[in-house]
Amino acid sequence: MKIKITFIALWLVAFTGISQNTYTLSKESVLNINGTSTVHDWTVKANTLHGNLTYGEKVEDVELRVVAPDIESGRAAAMDKKMHEALKAEKHPEITFKFQNLSDTDPNALQGVLAIAGKDKQVVLPSEITEIDNGFRIKGSYALKLQDYGMEPPTAMFGQIVVGDTVTVDYNLVFVGK
């Protein structure tokens, strides 16, 4: 009897390990934030991303962390400073997305909590989820309003240049097996 219980326990552990795999966010992942201002359109890049994806028969969990002080414009330190102030990066150094479930209406849309500048909001991220060699790609675009997250759109030149309240986050996230 003891051997039978041990065998069943080992079988369940092995089956669980096979049915669910965890993947880590690859360095080839890209997350850009695009916006407008009274002068020109702009794009900034998230340089430091961390995350995991758990996949069984479907996406079961996704966690994404973006290091806010490492989001850069590639243009000028003054622009980056204003952006980091708007993101409240000193007090809230990470932007996070925590998966809750897949959308009932779109099996590729990720429902979860997006936390920016210390404010959490329920969101649905439209995504294209594809299987790739040794992992998965999640690609999509999501528009959000800065003021929904308690952020004031940055200004420059004594208020003559104002950033638009709506920005679009474009993501191409590559998760690979360990």
C-alpha atoms as a PDB file:
ATOM      1  CA  MET A   1       0.000   0.000   0.000  1.00  0.00           C
ATOM      2  CA  LYS A   2       2.832   2.385   0.899  1.00  0.00           C
ATOM      3  CA  ILE A   3       4.503   1.757  -2.467  1.00  0.00           C
ATOM      4  CA  LYS A   4       1.223   2.427  -4.294  1.00  0.00           C
ATOM      5  CA  ILE A   5       0.706   5.800  -2.526  1.00  0.00           C
ATOM      6  CA  THR A   6       4.315   6.781  -3.213  1.00  0.00           C
ATOM      7  CA  PHE A   7       3.911   5.881  -6.893  1.00  0.00           C
ATOM      8  CA  ILE A   8       0.698   7.923  -7.188  1.00  0.00           C
ATOM      9  CA  ALA A   9       2.323  10.905  -5.453  1.00  0.00           C
ATOM     10  CA  LEU A  10       5.336  10.776  -7.781  1.00  0.00           C
ATOM     11  CA  TRP A  11       3.074  10.458 -10.812  1.00  0.00           C
ATOM     12  CA  LEU A  12       1.047  13.534  -9.750  1.00  0.00           C
ATOM     13  CA  VAL A  13       4.214  15.581  -9.201  1.00  0.00           C
ATOM     14  CA  ALA A  14       5.566  14.531 -12.609  1.00  0.00           C
ATOM     15  CA  PHE A  15       2.237  15.258 -14.321  1.00  0.00           C
ATOM     16  CA  THR A  16       2.027  18.709 -12.730  1.00  0.00           C
ATOM     17  CA  GLY A  17       5.546  19.500 -13.894  1.00  0.00           C
ATOM     18  CA  ILE A  18       4.712  18.485 -17.454  1.00  0.00           C
ATOM     19  CA  SER A  19       1.376  20.274 -17.653  1.00  0.00           C
ATOM     20  CA  GLN A  20       2.682  23.680 -16.565  1.00  0.00           C
ATOM     21  CA  ASN A  21       5.851  25.397 -17.701  1.00  0.00           C
ATOM     22  CA  THR A  22       7.343  28.688 -16.562  1.00  0.00           C
ATOM     23  CA  TYR A  23       9.094  31.007 -18.999  1.00  0.00           C
ATOM     24  CA  THR A  24      11.303  34.007 -18.266  1.00  0.00           C
ATOM     25  CA  LEU A  25      11.228  37.337 -20.057  1.00  0.00           C
ATOM     26  CA  SER A  26      14.005  37.498 -22.655  1.00  0.00           C
ATOM     27  CA  LYS A  27      16.337  40.453 -23.224  1.00  0.00           C
ATOM     28  CA  GLU A  28      14.976  40.739 -26.763  1.00  0.00           C
ATOM     29  CA  SER A  29      11.657  41.982 -25.326  1.00  0.00           C
ATOM     30  CA  VAL A  30      10.698  45.563 -26.168  1.00  0.00           C
ATOM     31  CA  LEU A  31       8.332  47.994 -24.454  1.00  0.00           C
ATOM     32  CA  ASN A  32       7.938  51.504 -25.867  1.00  0.00           C
ATOM     33  CA  ILE A  33       5.696  54.339 -24.738  1.00  0.00           C
ATOM     34  CA  ASN A  34       4.495  56.702 -27.469  1.00  0.00           C
ATOM     35  CA  GLY A  35       2.913  60.075 -26.921  1.00  0.00           C
ATOM     36  CA  THR A  36       2.303  63.530 -28.275  1.00  0.00           C
ATOM     37  CA  SER A  37       3.054  67.071 -27.214  1.00  0.00           C
ATOM     38  CA  THR A  38       2.193  70.519 -28.482  1.00  0.00           C
ATOM     39  CA  VAL A  39       5.471  70.404 -30.462  1.00  0.00           C
ATOM     40  CA  HIS A  40       6.056  66.824 -31.655  1.00  0.00           C
ATOM     41  CA  ASP A  41       5.322  63.149 -31.150  1.00  0.00           C
ATOM     42  CA  TRP A  42       7.756  61.235 -28.952  1.00  0.00           C
ATOM     43  CA  THR A  43       8.758  57.702 -27.964  1.00  0.00           C
ATOM     44  CA  VAL A  44      10.528  56.470 -24.852  1.00  0.00           C
ATOM     45  CA  LYS A  45      11.916  53.015 -24.231  1.00  0.00           C
ATOM     46  CA  ALA A  46      11.774  50.823 -21.136  1.00  0.00           C
ATOM     47  CA  ASN A  47      15.336  49.560 -20.789  1.00  0.00           C
ATOM     48  CA  THR A  48      14.897  47.192 -17.831  1.00  0.00           C
ATOM     49  CA  LEU A  49      12.090  44.618 -17.888  1.00  0.00           C
ATOM     50  CA  HIS A  50      11.577  41.536 -15.721  1.00  0.00           C
ATOM     51  CA  GLY A  51       8.845  38.956 -15.955  1.00  0.00           C
ATOM     52  CA  ASN A  52       7.576  35.416 -16.027  1.00  0.00           C
ATOM     53  CA  LEU A  53       4.862  33.558 -17.878  1.00  0.00           C
ATOM     54  CA  THR A  54       3.289  30.282 -16.800  1.00  0.00           C
ATOM     55  CA  TYR A  55       1.644  28.235 -19.512  1.00  0.00           C
ATOM     56  CA  GLY A  56      -0.300  24.983 -19.251  1.00  0.00           C
ATOM     57  CA  GLU A  57      -2.975  24.445 -21.879  1.00  0.00           C
ATOM     58  CA  LYS A  58      -3.322  28.239 -21.966  1.00  0.00           C
ATOM     59  CA  VAL A  59      -1.746  31.265 -20.300  1.00  0.00           C
ATOM     60  CA  GLU A  60      -2.103  30.737 -16.565  1.00  0.00           C
ATOM     61  CA  ASP A  61      -0.006  33.585 -15.183  1.00  0.00           C
ATOM     62  CA  VAL A  62       1.935  36.603 -16.422  1.00  0.00           C
ATOM     63  CA  GLU A  63       3.986  38.946 -14.308  1.00  0.00           C
ATOM     64  CA  LEU A  64       5.756  41.984 -15.750  1.00  0.00           C
ATOM     65  CA  ARG A  65       7.885  44.564 -13.939  1.00  0.00           C
ATOM     66  CA  VAL A  66       9.322  47.661 -15.615  1.00  0.00           C
ATOM     67  CA  VAL A  67      12.009  49.664 -13.799  1.00  0.00           C
ATOM     68  CA  ALA A  68      10.628  53.218 -14.073  1.00  0.00           C
ATOM     69  CA  PRO A  69      13.937  55.113 -13.620  1.00  0.00           C
ATOM     70  CA  ASP A  70      15.347  53.105 -16.563  1.00  0.00           C
ATOM     71  CA  ILE A  71      12.736  54.418 -19.011  1.00  0.00           C
ATOM     72  CA  GLU A  72      14.629  56.808 -21.265  1.00  0.00           C
ATOM     73  CA  SER A  73      13.961  59.064 -24.202  1.00  0.00           C
ATOM     74  CA  GLY A  74      17.433  58.920 -25.717  1.00  0.00           C
ATOM     75  CA  ARG A  75      17.104  62.673 -26.247  1.00  0.00           C
ATOM     76  CA  ALA A  76      17.934  64.666 -23.157  1.00  0.00           C
ATOM     77  CA  ALA A  77      18.376  64.206 -19.442  1.00  0.00           C
ATOM     78  CA  ALA A  78      15.897  67.051 -18.803  1.00  0.00           C
ATOM     79  CA  MET A  79      13.142  65.192 -20.677  1.00  0.00           C
ATOM     80  CA  ASP A  80      13.924  61.976 -18.795  1.00  0.00           C
ATOM     81  CA  LYS A  81      13.837  63.844 -15.464  1.00  0.00           C
ATOM     82  CA  LYS A  82      10.389  65.302 -16.190  1.00  0.00           C
ATOM     83  CA  MET A  83       9.119  61.881 -17.273  1.00  0.00           C
ATOM     84  CA  HIS A  84      10.480  60.205 -14.122  1.00  0.00           C
ATOM     85  CA  GLU A  85       8.876  62.918 -11.981  1.00  0.00           C
ATOM     86  CA  ALA A  86       5.510  62.324 -13.720  1.00  0.00           C
ATOM     87  CA  LEU A  87       5.903  58.563 -13.116  1.00  0.00           C
ATOM     88  CA  LYS A  88       6.755  59.274  -9.445  1.00  0.00           C
ATOM     89  CA  ALA A  89       9.694  56.938 -10.076  1.00  0.00           C
ATOM     90  CA  GLU A  90      11.562  57.859  -6.913  1.00  0.00           C
ATOM     91  CA  LYS A  91       8.669  56.752  -4.699  1.00  0.00           C
ATOM     92  CA  HIS A  92       7.342  54.022  -7.047  1.00  0.00           C
ATOM     93  CA  PRO A  93      10.365  52.620  -8.918  1.00  0.00           C
ATOM     94  CA  GLU A  94       8.443  49.810 -10.654  1.00  0.00           C
ATOM     95  CA  ILE A  95       5.542  49.706 -13.051  1.00  0.00           C
ATOM     96  CA  THR A  96       3.868  46.304 -12.763  1.00  0.00           C
ATOM     97  CA  PHE A  97       1.289  44.180 -14.501  1.00  0.00           C
ATOM     98  CA  LYS A  98      -0.160  41.220 -12.610  1.00  0.00           C
ATOM     99  CA  PHE A  99      -2.279  38.820 -14.637  1.00  0.00           C
ATOM    100  CA  GLN A 100      -5.649  37.706 -13.258  1.00  0.00           C
ATOM    101  CA  ASN A 101      -7.215  35.799 -16.159  1.00  0.00           C
ATOM    102  CA  LEU A 102      -7.870  35.708 -19.878  1.00  0.00           C
ATOM    103  CA  SER A 103     -10.750  37.768 -21.205  1.00  0.00           C
ATOM    104  CA  ASP A 104     -14.083  35.991 -21.640  1.00  0.00           C
ATOM    105  CA  THR A 105     -14.585  37.683 -25.007  1.00  0.00           C
ATOM    106  CA  ASP A 106     -11.012  37.454 -26.393  1.00  0.00           C
ATOM    107  CA  PRO A 107      -8.803  34.515 -25.394  1.00  0.00           C
ATOM    108  CA  ASN A 108      -5.681  36.571 -26.191  1.00  0.00           C
ATOM    109  CA  ALA A 109      -6.615  39.584 -24.069  1.00  0.00           C
ATOM    110  CA  LEU A 110      -4.909  39.622 -20.691  1.00  0.00           C
ATOM    111  CA  GLN A 111      -6.956  40.899 -17.761  1.00  0.00           C
ATOM    112  CA  GLY A 112      -5.059  42.092 -14.740  1.00  0.00           C
ATOM    113  CA  VAL A 113      -3.889  44.935 -12.546  1.00  0.00           C
ATOM    114  CA  LEU A 114      -1.601  47.603 -13.968  1.00  0.00           C
ATOM    115  CA  ALA A 115       0.218  49.675 -11.344  1.00  0.00           C
ATOM    116  CA  ILE A 116       1.815  52.968 -12.382  1.00  0.00           C
ATOM    117  CA  ALA A 117       2.965  55.824 -10.132  1.00  0.00           C
ATOM    118  CA  GLY A 118       1.451  54.119  -7.092  1.00  0.00           C
ATOM    119  CA  LYS A 119      -2.030  53.717  -8.581  1.00  0.00           C
ATOM    120  CA  ASP A 120      -3.536  50.306  -9.456  1.00  0.00           C
ATOM    121  CA  LYS A 121      -6.152  49.881 -12.184  1.00  0.00           C
ATOM    122  CA  GLN A 122      -7.945  46.882 -13.643  1.00  0.00           C
ATOM    123  CA  VAL A 123      -7.088  46.654 -17.351  1.00  0.00           C
ATOM    124  CA  VAL A 124      -7.618  44.403 -20.352  1.00  0.00           C
ATOM    125  CA  LEU A 125      -4.533  44.276 -22.565  1.00  0.00           C
ATOM    126  CA  PRO A 126      -5.350  43.272 -26.139  1.00  0.00           C
ATOM    127  CA  SER A 127      -2.606  40.892 -27.191  1.00  0.00           C
ATOM    128  CA  GLU A 128      -1.448  38.497 -29.824  1.00  0.00           C
ATOM    129  CA  ILE A 129      -0.061  35.420 -28.067  1.00  0.00           C
ATOM    130  CA  THR A 130       2.020  33.130 -30.251  1.00  0.00           C
ATOM    131  CA  GLU A 131       4.120  30.085 -29.547  1.00  0.00           C
ATOM    132  CA  ILE A 132       7.756  30.440 -30.639  1.00  0.00           C
ATOM    133  CA  ASP A 133      10.832  28.225 -30.341  1.00  0.00           C
ATOM    134  CA  ASN A 134      11.297  27.504 -26.634  1.00  0.00           C
ATOM    135  CA  GLY A 135       8.579  29.911 -25.482  1.00  0.00           C
ATOM    136  CA  PHE A 136       5.885  32.460 -26.218  1.00  0.00           C
ATOM    137  CA  ARG A 137       5.536  35.984 -27.596  1.00  0.00           C
ATOM    138  CA  ILE A 138       2.948  38.443 -26.301  1.00  0.00           C
ATOM    139  CA  LYS A 139       2.564  41.429 -28.584  1.00  0.00           C
ATOM    140  CA  GLY A 140       0.118  44.286 -28.379  1.00  0.00           C
ATOM    141  CA  SER A 141      -0.682  47.916 -27.827  1.00  0.00           C
ATOM    142  CA  TYR A 142      -2.568  49.636 -25.017  1.00  0.00           C
ATOM    143  CA  ALA A 143      -3.648  53.293 -24.726  1.00  0.00           C
ATOM    144  CA  LEU A 144      -3.935  54.876 -21.295  1.00  0.00           C
ATOM    145  CA  LYS A 145      -4.554  58.291 -19.813  1.00  0.00           C
ATOM    146  CA  LEU A 146      -1.845  59.649 -17.530  1.00  0.00           C
ATOM    147  CA  GLN A 147      -4.404  61.337 -15.257  1.00  0.00           C
ATOM    148  CA  ASP A 148      -6.133  57.962 -14.677  1.00  0.00           C
ATOM    149  CA  TYR A 149      -2.941  57.032 -12.797  1.00  0.00           C
ATOM    150  CA  GLY A 150      -2.691  60.317 -10.923  1.00  0.00           C
ATOM    151  CA  MET A 151       0.079  61.631 -13.188  1.00  0.00           C
ATOM    152  CA  GLU A 152       0.199  65.186 -14.464  1.00  0.00           C
ATOM    153  CA  PRO A 153       1.320  65.432 -18.094  1.00  0.00           C
ATOM    154  CA  PRO A 154       4.801  66.993 -18.090  1.00  0.00           C
ATOM    155  CA  THR A 155       5.366  70.522 -19.401  1.00  0.00           C
ATOM    156  CA  ALA A 156       8.403  72.471 -20.595  1.00  0.00           C
ATOM    157  CA  MET A 157       9.331  75.978 -21.722  1.00  0.00           C
ATOM    158  CA  PHE A 158       7.195  77.601 -19.013  1.00  0.00           C
ATOM    159  CA  GLY A 159       4.119  75.630 -20.034  1.00  0.00           C
ATOM    160  CA  GLN A 160       4.448  76.265 -23.777  1.00  0.00           C
ATOM    161  CA  ILE A 161       5.171  72.575 -24.433  1.00  0.00           C
ATOM    162  CA  VAL A 162       2.620  70.187 -22.929  1.00  0.00           C
ATOM    163  CA  VAL A 163       2.569  66.401 -23.197  1.00  0.00           C
ATOM    164  CA  GLY A 164      -0.761  64.895 -24.273  1.00  0.00           C
ATOM    165  CA  ASP A 165      -2.719  63.040 -21.574  1.00  0.00           C
ATOM    166  CA  THR A 166      -3.031  59.834 -23.635  1.00  0.00           C
ATOM    167  CA  VAL A 167      -0.016  57.604 -24.281  1.00  0.00           C
ATOM    168  CA  THR A 168       0.200  54.268 -26.054  1.00  0.00           C
ATOM    169  CA  VAL A 169       2.260  51.401 -24.699  1.00  0.00           C
ATOM    170  CA  ASP A 170       3.532  49.056 -27.415  1.00  0.00           C
ATOM    171  CA  TYR A 171       4.852  45.743 -26.144  1.00  0.00           C
ATOM    172  CA  ASN A 172       6.602  42.831 -27.796  1.00  0.00           C
ATOM    173  CA  LEU A 173       7.405  40.484 -24.927  1.00  0.00           C
ATOM    174  CA  VAL A 174       9.366  37.299 -25.528  1.00  0.00           C
ATOM    175  CA  PHE A 175       9.250  34.628 -22.824  1.00  0.00           C
ATOM    176  CA  VAL A 176      11.693  31.714 -23.128  1.00  0.00           C
ATOM    177  CA  GLY A 177      12.115  28.421 -21.272  1.00  0.00           C
ATOM    178  CA  LYS A 178      14.776  28.079 -18.627  1.00  0.00           C
END
